[in-house]
Amino acid sequence: MKAILALEDGTLFEGQSLGATGRTNGEVVFNTGMTGYQEILTDPSYAGQIVTLTYPLIGNYGINPDDFESRRVQVEGFVVREAAEIASNWRSKQTLDSFLKERGIIGIQGIDTRALTRALRVRGVMMGAISTEDTPESLLEHIRNAPGYGSKDLARQVTAEQSYRWRVGDTKPVSAGSVSEVKPRYHIALLDFGVKYNILRSLANLGCETTVYPCTVTAEEVLRANPDGIFLSPGPGDPEQYGYMVDTVRQLVGKKPIMGVCMGNQILGYAFGSKTFKLKFGHRGSNHPVKDLNTGRVYITSQNHGYAVDPDRLKDGMEVAHINLNDGTVEGLRHKELPIFSIQYHPEASPGPSDSAYFFHQYINMLDRHYGRS
């Protein structure tokens, strides 16, 4: 079946249908990773977006039940050069195409993804739509009438419906009232702006039990549980929409040690007087160089964000800790006095390099110092 991808500037790509049929719209972005398409599909930070993969052959190792990063597929649409018809891997349970059909995700294949990526790099990310039923004219009209990506509160769309726990030794969420058989090293309260499961797995591997709270949780509710530390998760959307989350974090500052990742980094930026600006085409993929300004060391990182913190507006003791070596934008923050730090990239990888996994250890070390256990 034929399919059309249209961009808001009028650019059209004709290809073949992948996955479900119908019409979908979202902000069109690209990811440079060679593997990890299942993790990308289920990453909540991609909510509201149509994701293009730059690697030409996708789906060759199929879909399995172990590589989900959330409870459902989060992307609005999926674009690949070629989807493998045969999945070859001992863990595979189904093909990419059958998985997308099953989950109702509309995609397109058979287009020049290099040309699409170049268009997004030159002109910037933009709204677009995929359809198996529209004419080019009707699809462009649909895009013009669709709400912009930055106008939506996407965090409420992907956050937990109610709080739950991820205990030491668990491989999946459990009810909030459950009790671990293993005494955890620390109890972490995680504010779910769009958390990936591998963050929770990483904390559990270090002996932490995590209670995950919806993004609408109040500071009073979090502090009532008396956690040892606060974790601010990644998430989708424009942080300018999330004033209620910024207010909550401001009330938590100074109460408990805090670590933030991606959206968590941006929310902390807002909490300390800054704002964010939109990047032309964002940082998405598994090969972004980041420099630690304290040590001078460079890390190859996994990233997924379209906004960056303005370093010139930071105040009240917050300073830049990491920068992106491609464009000089902020990739991490640290407070000069309080036990607070954050990074813009993803220490949990999935997919991507594990260079920065040590940040979870750094968080535990910060908790150890705070509670006199070091």
Protein backbone atom coordinates (compact mmCIF):
# COMPACT_ATOMS: atom_id res chain seq x y z
CA MET A 1 0.00 0.00 0.00
CA LYS A 2 1.25 3.47 -0.86
CA ALA A 3 1.93 6.03 1.86
CA ILE A 4 2.84 9.71 1.91
CA LEU A 5 5.00 11.69 4.32
CA ALA A 6 4.38 15.44 4.14
CA LEU A 7 6.34 18.19 5.91
CA GLU A 8 4.83 21.53 6.86
CA ASP A 9 7.05 23.35 4.35
CA GLY A 10 5.33 21.43 1.54
CA THR A 11 7.99 18.76 1.00
CA LEU A 12 6.50 15.37 0.07
CA PHE A 13 7.92 11.85 0.19
CA GLU A 14 6.09 8.91 -1.39
CA GLY A 15 6.77 5.38 -0.18
CA GLN A 16 5.11 2.21 1.09
CA SER A 17 3.01 1.70 4.18
CA LEU A 18 4.69 0.24 7.26
CA GLY A 19 2.64 -0.91 10.22
CA ALA A 20 -0.92 0.35 10.65
CA THR A 21 -2.88 2.30 8.07
CA GLY A 22 -4.55 5.69 8.44
CA ARG A 23 -3.09 9.10 9.25
CA THR A 24 -0.86 10.48 11.99
CA ASN A 25 0.93 13.75 12.62
CA GLY A 26 3.75 15.00 14.83
CA GLU A 27 7.07 16.78 14.88
CA VAL A 28 9.41 15.01 12.44
CA VAL A 29 12.85 14.27 13.94
CA PHE A 30 15.75 11.94 13.18
CA ASN A 31 17.85 9.54 15.26
CA THR A 32 21.37 8.51 14.22
CA GLY A 33 21.53 5.21 16.14
CA MET A 34 22.28 2.01 14.22
CA THR A 35 20.44 -0.25 16.68
CA GLY A 36 17.86 0.06 19.43
CA TYR A 37 14.74 0.72 17.36
CA GLN A 38 12.51 -1.05 19.90
CA GLU A 39 13.84 1.09 22.73
CA ILE A 40 13.36 4.19 20.57
CA LEU A 41 9.77 3.25 19.76
CA THR A 42 8.93 2.83 23.45
CA ASP A 43 10.91 5.84 24.76
CA PRO A 44 8.41 8.34 26.27
CA SER A 45 10.64 11.26 25.25
CA TYR A 46 9.52 10.64 21.64
CA ALA A 47 5.84 11.24 22.41
CA GLY A 48 4.34 13.68 19.91
CA GLN A 49 7.03 12.96 17.31
CA ILE A 50 7.44 11.08 14.04
CA VAL A 51 10.86 9.45 14.27
CA THR A 52 13.13 8.89 11.28
CA LEU A 53 16.02 6.44 11.63
CA THR A 54 19.05 7.32 9.54
CA TYR A 55 20.42 3.77 9.44
CA PRO A 56 19.09 2.21 6.19
CA LEU A 57 17.93 -1.25 7.35
CA ILE A 58 15.74 -1.49 10.44
CA GLY A 59 14.02 -4.49 12.02
CA ASN A 60 16.51 -7.24 11.23
CA TYR A 61 16.55 -8.58 14.82
CA GLY A 62 12.80 -8.28 15.37
CA ILE A 63 10.86 -7.39 18.50
CA ASN A 64 11.16 -9.09 21.90
CA PRO A 65 9.47 -8.65 25.29
CA ASP A 66 12.69 -7.63 27.11
CA ASP A 67 13.62 -4.37 25.37
CA PHE A 68 10.62 -2.18 26.18
CA GLU A 69 11.48 1.15 27.80
CA SER A 70 7.89 1.93 28.86
CA ARG A 71 4.50 0.28 28.92
CA ARG A 72 3.61 1.14 25.32
CA VAL A 73 4.85 2.51 22.00
CA GLN A 74 5.24 6.26 22.39
CA VAL A 75 6.08 7.62 18.91
CA GLU A 76 3.39 9.14 16.71
CA GLY A 77 4.86 7.65 13.54
CA PHE A 78 7.92 5.81 12.22
CA VAL A 79 10.04 6.38 9.11
CA VAL A 80 12.70 3.98 7.76
CA ARG A 81 14.48 3.41 4.48
CA GLU A 82 13.82 -0.33 4.53
CA ALA A 83 12.08 -2.54 7.08
CA ALA A 84 13.47 -6.08 7.27
CA GLU A 85 10.82 -8.65 6.36
CA ILE A 86 12.66 -11.44 8.18
CA ALA A 87 13.66 -11.10 11.83
CA SER A 88 16.66 -13.17 12.87
CA ASN A 89 17.36 -13.30 16.61
CA TRP A 90 16.79 -15.96 19.25
CA ARG A 91 14.79 -13.49 21.39
CA SER A 92 12.58 -12.26 18.55
CA LYS A 93 8.83 -12.85 18.85
CA GLN A 94 7.60 -10.87 15.82
CA THR A 95 8.66 -8.61 12.99
CA LEU A 96 8.79 -4.84 13.19
CA ASP A 97 5.91 -4.51 10.72
CA SER A 98 3.60 -6.87 12.64
CA PHE A 99 4.49 -5.12 15.90
CA LEU A 100 3.60 -1.69 14.51
CA LYS A 101 0.34 -3.07 13.11
CA GLU A 102 -0.50 -4.65 16.48
CA ARG A 103 0.15 -1.38 18.33
CA GLY A 104 -1.64 0.83 15.79
CA ILE A 105 1.48 2.80 14.81
CA ILE A 106 1.54 4.27 11.29
CA GLY A 107 4.85 4.24 9.44
CA ILE A 108 6.38 4.62 6.01
CA GLN A 109 9.31 2.94 4.28
CA GLY A 110 10.95 3.12 0.88
CA ILE A 111 11.71 6.85 0.98
CA ASP A 112 15.09 8.57 0.79
CA THR A 113 15.78 9.01 4.52
CA ARG A 114 19.10 10.71 3.71
CA ALA A 115 17.23 13.46 1.85
CA LEU A 116 14.71 13.76 4.69
CA THR A 117 17.47 14.00 7.30
CA ARG A 118 19.26 16.63 5.26
CA ALA A 119 16.05 18.65 4.97
CA LEU A 120 15.62 18.58 8.75
CA ARG A 121 19.26 19.52 9.34
CA VAL A 122 19.11 22.44 6.90
CA ARG A 123 15.62 23.78 7.63
CA GLY A 124 15.16 22.42 11.16
CA VAL A 125 12.67 19.97 12.60
CA MET A 126 9.07 20.69 11.63
CA MET A 127 5.59 19.29 11.88
CA GLY A 128 4.67 16.55 9.45
CA ALA A 129 2.18 13.78 8.80
CA ILE A 130 2.09 10.24 7.38
CA SER A 131 -1.01 8.94 5.61
CA THR A 132 -2.14 5.95 3.59
CA GLU A 133 -5.45 7.57 2.68
CA ASP A 134 -4.94 11.31 2.01
CA THR A 135 -4.03 13.21 -1.09
CA PRO A 136 -0.94 15.42 -0.79
CA GLU A 137 -3.18 18.50 -0.69
CA SER A 138 -5.44 17.20 2.08
CA LEU A 139 -2.44 16.00 4.11
CA LEU A 140 -0.77 19.43 3.95
CA GLU A 141 -4.06 21.04 5.01
CA HIS A 142 -4.20 18.63 7.96
CA ILE A 143 -0.68 19.67 9.06
CA ARG A 144 -1.57 23.36 8.87
CA ASN A 145 -4.52 22.80 11.21
CA ALA A 146 -2.70 20.51 13.67
CA PRO A 147 -1.46 21.90 17.02
CA GLY A 148 2.29 22.48 17.20
CA TYR A 149 4.58 20.15 19.11
CA GLY A 150 5.53 22.80 21.67
CA SER A 151 1.91 23.63 22.49
CA LYS A 152 1.11 20.30 24.21
CA ASP A 153 1.61 19.07 27.76
CA LEU A 154 3.08 15.75 26.67
CA ALA A 155 4.36 14.86 30.14
CA ARG A 156 0.78 14.27 31.34
CA GLN A 157 0.30 11.98 28.33
CA VAL A 158 3.22 9.67 29.19
CA THR A 159 3.52 9.88 32.98
CA ALA A 160 2.43 7.10 35.34
CA GLU A 161 -1.31 7.02 35.98
CA GLN A 162 -0.59 6.34 39.65
CA SER A 163 2.51 5.84 41.74
CA TYR A 164 4.30 2.49 41.65
CA ARG A 165 7.52 0.92 42.91
CA TRP A 166 10.55 -0.64 41.31
CA ARG A 167 12.26 -2.76 43.94
CA VAL A 168 15.75 -4.22 44.16
CA GLY A 169 15.82 -7.35 41.99
CA ASP A 170 12.62 -6.50 40.09
CA THR A 171 12.41 -6.53 36.31
CA LYS A 172 9.07 -4.70 36.08
CA PRO A 173 6.93 -2.24 38.08
CA VAL A 174 4.97 -3.38 41.14
CA SER A 175 2.21 -1.72 43.17
CA ALA A 176 3.12 1.23 45.35
CA GLY A 177 2.22 -0.65 48.55
CA SER A 178 4.45 -3.66 47.89
CA VAL A 179 7.34 -4.41 50.24
CA SER A 180 10.74 -5.56 49.02
CA GLU A 181 12.24 -8.75 50.41
CA VAL A 182 15.65 -7.11 50.09
CA LYS A 183 16.51 -4.14 52.31
CA PRO A 184 17.32 -1.34 49.84
CA ARG A 185 20.42 0.78 50.14
CA TYR A 186 18.37 3.91 49.50
CA HIS A 187 14.76 4.80 48.76
CA ILE A 188 14.46 7.13 45.76
CA ALA A 189 11.46 9.25 44.80
CA LEU A 190 11.35 9.62 41.01
CA LEU A 191 9.20 12.29 39.39
CA ASP A 192 7.99 10.72 36.16
CA PHE A 193 8.09 13.22 33.31
CA GLY A 194 8.53 10.26 30.91
CA VAL A 195 10.88 7.79 32.56
CA LYS A 196 12.62 4.95 30.74
CA TYR A 197 12.62 1.58 32.48
CA ASN A 198 16.40 1.29 32.23
CA ILE A 199 16.78 4.20 34.64
CA LEU A 200 14.80 2.19 37.18
CA ARG A 201 16.80 -0.95 36.39
CA SER A 202 20.05 0.98 36.83
CA LEU A 203 18.99 2.30 40.25
CA ALA A 204 17.83 -1.18 41.30
CA ASN A 205 21.16 -2.67 40.25
CA LEU A 206 22.82 -0.29 42.74
CA GLY A 207 20.54 -1.43 45.54
CA CYS A 208 17.95 1.35 45.37
CA GLU A 209 14.20 0.96 45.62
CA THR A 210 12.39 3.62 43.61
CA THR A 211 8.89 4.98 44.04
CA VAL A 212 7.72 6.50 40.77
CA TYR A 213 5.29 9.43 41.07
CA PRO A 214 3.13 11.02 38.35
CA CYS A 215 4.41 14.36 37.07
CA THR A 216 1.51 16.10 38.84
CA VAL A 217 2.68 15.00 42.32
CA THR A 218 3.10 17.75 44.92
CA ALA A 219 6.27 18.38 46.88
CA GLU A 220 4.33 17.74 50.08
CA GLU A 221 3.34 14.25 48.94
CA VAL A 222 6.91 13.39 47.98
CA LEU A 223 8.40 14.67 51.24
CA ARG A 224 5.72 12.92 53.28
CA ALA A 225 7.23 9.61 52.11
CA ASN A 226 10.64 10.79 53.39
CA PRO A 227 12.75 9.42 50.52
CA ASP A 228 16.53 9.48 50.70
CA GLY A 229 16.86 11.20 47.35
CA ILE A 230 14.93 12.77 44.47
CA PHE A 231 15.34 11.80 40.80
CA LEU A 232 13.94 13.92 37.96
CA SER A 233 13.34 11.80 34.87
CA PRO A 234 13.57 12.50 31.14
CA GLY A 235 10.42 13.37 29.22
CA PRO A 236 8.95 14.83 26.03
CA GLY A 237 7.77 18.28 25.02
CA ASP A 238 8.66 21.91 25.59
CA PRO A 239 9.67 22.54 29.24
CA GLU A 240 8.05 25.98 28.94
CA GLN A 241 4.73 24.11 29.33
CA TYR A 242 5.71 22.62 32.68
CA GLY A 243 5.51 25.44 35.19
CA TYR A 244 3.72 23.18 37.67
CA MET A 245 6.66 20.75 37.63
CA VAL A 246 9.15 23.60 38.07
CA ASP A 247 7.20 24.82 41.12
CA THR A 248 7.31 21.33 42.65
CA VAL A 249 11.05 21.01 42.10
CA ARG A 250 11.70 24.46 43.61
CA GLN A 251 9.98 23.27 46.78
CA LEU A 252 12.19 20.15 46.87
CA VAL A 253 15.48 22.02 46.44
CA GLY A 254 17.50 21.90 49.65
CA LYS A 255 15.26 19.23 51.17
CA LYS A 256 16.85 16.13 49.62
CA PRO A 257 19.74 15.33 47.23
CA ILE A 258 18.54 15.67 43.62
CA MET A 259 19.68 14.19 40.32
CA GLY A 260 18.06 15.09 36.98
CA VAL A 261 18.32 13.60 33.50
CA CYS A 262 17.33 15.28 30.21
CA MET A 263 13.97 16.94 30.95
CA GLY A 264 15.01 16.75 34.60
CA ASN A 265 18.06 18.84 33.71
CA GLN A 266 15.88 21.42 31.96
CA ILE A 267 13.37 21.60 34.83
CA LEU A 268 16.26 22.21 37.24
CA GLY A 269 17.46 24.96 34.92
CA TYR A 270 14.08 26.64 35.19
CA ALA A 271 14.05 26.14 38.97
CA PHE A 272 17.32 28.09 39.15
CA GLY A 273 16.23 31.05 37.07
CA SER A 274 17.01 29.95 33.53
CA LYS A 275 14.91 29.10 30.48
CA THR A 276 15.38 26.85 27.47
CA PHE A 277 15.61 27.48 23.75
CA LYS A 278 14.72 25.16 20.90
CA LEU A 279 17.55 23.51 18.99
CA LYS A 280 17.40 23.59 15.20
CA PHE A 281 17.24 19.81 14.79
CA GLY A 282 17.95 18.50 18.28
CA HIS A 283 20.35 15.87 19.59
CA ARG A 284 19.04 12.37 19.02
CA GLY A 285 21.19 9.27 18.71
CA SER A 286 24.03 7.41 20.34
CA ASN A 287 27.19 9.22 19.25
CA HIS A 288 27.24 12.72 20.76
CA PRO A 289 30.50 13.98 22.34
CA VAL A 290 30.15 15.71 25.72
CA LYS A 291 32.92 17.35 27.77
CA ASP A 292 32.99 17.31 31.56
CA LEU A 293 34.22 20.81 32.43
CA ASN A 294 35.52 19.68 35.81
CA THR A 295 37.77 16.86 34.60
CA GLY A 296 38.20 17.71 30.91
CA ARG A 297 37.17 14.19 29.96
CA VAL A 298 35.06 13.64 26.85
CA TYR A 299 32.24 11.06 26.77
CA ILE A 300 30.36 9.60 23.81
CA THR A 301 26.74 9.77 24.88
CA SER A 302 23.21 8.72 24.04
CA GLN A 303 20.89 11.70 23.64
CA ASN A 304 17.29 12.58 22.88
CA HIS A 305 16.28 16.21 23.30
CA GLY A 306 15.18 19.18 21.24
CA TYR A 307 15.71 21.99 23.79
CA ALA A 308 18.74 23.30 25.67
CA VAL A 309 19.20 25.31 28.89
CA ASP A 310 20.30 28.94 28.52
CA PRO A 311 23.55 29.10 30.55
CA ASP A 312 23.51 32.90 30.91
CA ARG A 313 20.36 32.93 33.05
CA LEU A 314 21.41 30.43 35.70
CA LYS A 315 21.56 31.84 39.22
CA ASP A 316 21.45 30.96 42.94
CA GLY A 317 24.57 28.78 42.80
CA MET A 318 23.78 26.66 39.75
CA GLU A 319 26.50 26.37 37.12
CA VAL A 320 27.23 24.55 33.85
CA ALA A 321 29.03 21.23 34.36
CA HIS A 322 29.04 19.70 30.85
CA ILE A 323 28.89 21.00 27.29
CA ASN A 324 28.19 19.46 23.90
CA LEU A 325 31.32 19.54 21.75
CA ASN A 326 29.33 19.76 18.51
CA ASP A 327 27.51 22.99 19.27
CA GLY A 328 28.62 24.15 22.73
CA THR A 329 25.17 23.80 24.33
CA VAL A 330 24.61 22.88 27.98
CA GLU A 331 24.77 19.15 28.70
CA GLY A 332 24.82 19.20 32.48
CA LEU A 333 24.44 21.34 35.61
CA ARG A 334 25.74 21.23 39.17
CA HIS A 335 25.11 23.31 42.26
CA LYS A 336 28.10 24.90 43.97
CA GLU A 337 26.88 24.06 47.47
CA LEU A 338 23.75 21.88 47.51
CA PRO A 339 23.75 18.14 46.64
CA ILE A 340 22.21 18.69 43.20
CA PHE A 341 23.46 17.79 39.74
CA SER A 342 21.94 16.91 36.39
CA ILE A 343 22.86 15.85 32.88
CA GLN A 344 21.11 16.47 29.57
CA TYR A 345 22.11 13.12 28.04
CA HIS A 346 21.13 9.58 29.00
CA PRO A 347 23.33 7.59 31.41
CA GLU A 348 20.98 4.61 31.08
CA ALA A 349 21.72 4.38 27.31
CA SER A 350 19.20 1.88 25.82
CA PRO A 351 20.13 2.28 23.08
CA GLY A 352 23.60 3.74 23.07
CA PRO A 353 27.03 3.73 24.72
CA SER A 354 27.41 3.16 28.45
CA ASP A 355 30.22 5.71 28.95
CA SER A 356 28.13 7.83 31.27
CA ALA A 357 26.59 5.03 33.37
CA TYR A 358 28.91 6.12 36.16
CA PHE A 359 26.52 9.01 36.90
CA PHE A 360 24.28 6.57 38.75
CA HIS A 361 27.30 5.70 40.93
CA GLN A 362 27.98 9.42 41.35
CA TYR A 363 24.41 9.87 42.58
CA ILE A 364 24.87 7.06 45.13
CA ASN A 365 28.17 8.60 46.24
CA MET A 366 26.40 11.93 46.72
CA LEU A 367 23.78 10.20 48.89
CA ASP A 368 26.54 8.46 50.86
CA ARG A 369 28.24 11.79 51.60
CA HIS A 370 24.95 13.47 52.47
CA TYR A 371 24.03 10.76 54.97
CA GLY A 372 27.55 10.26 56.30
CA ARG A 373 28.04 6.77 54.91
CA SER A 374 31.18 7.47 52.90
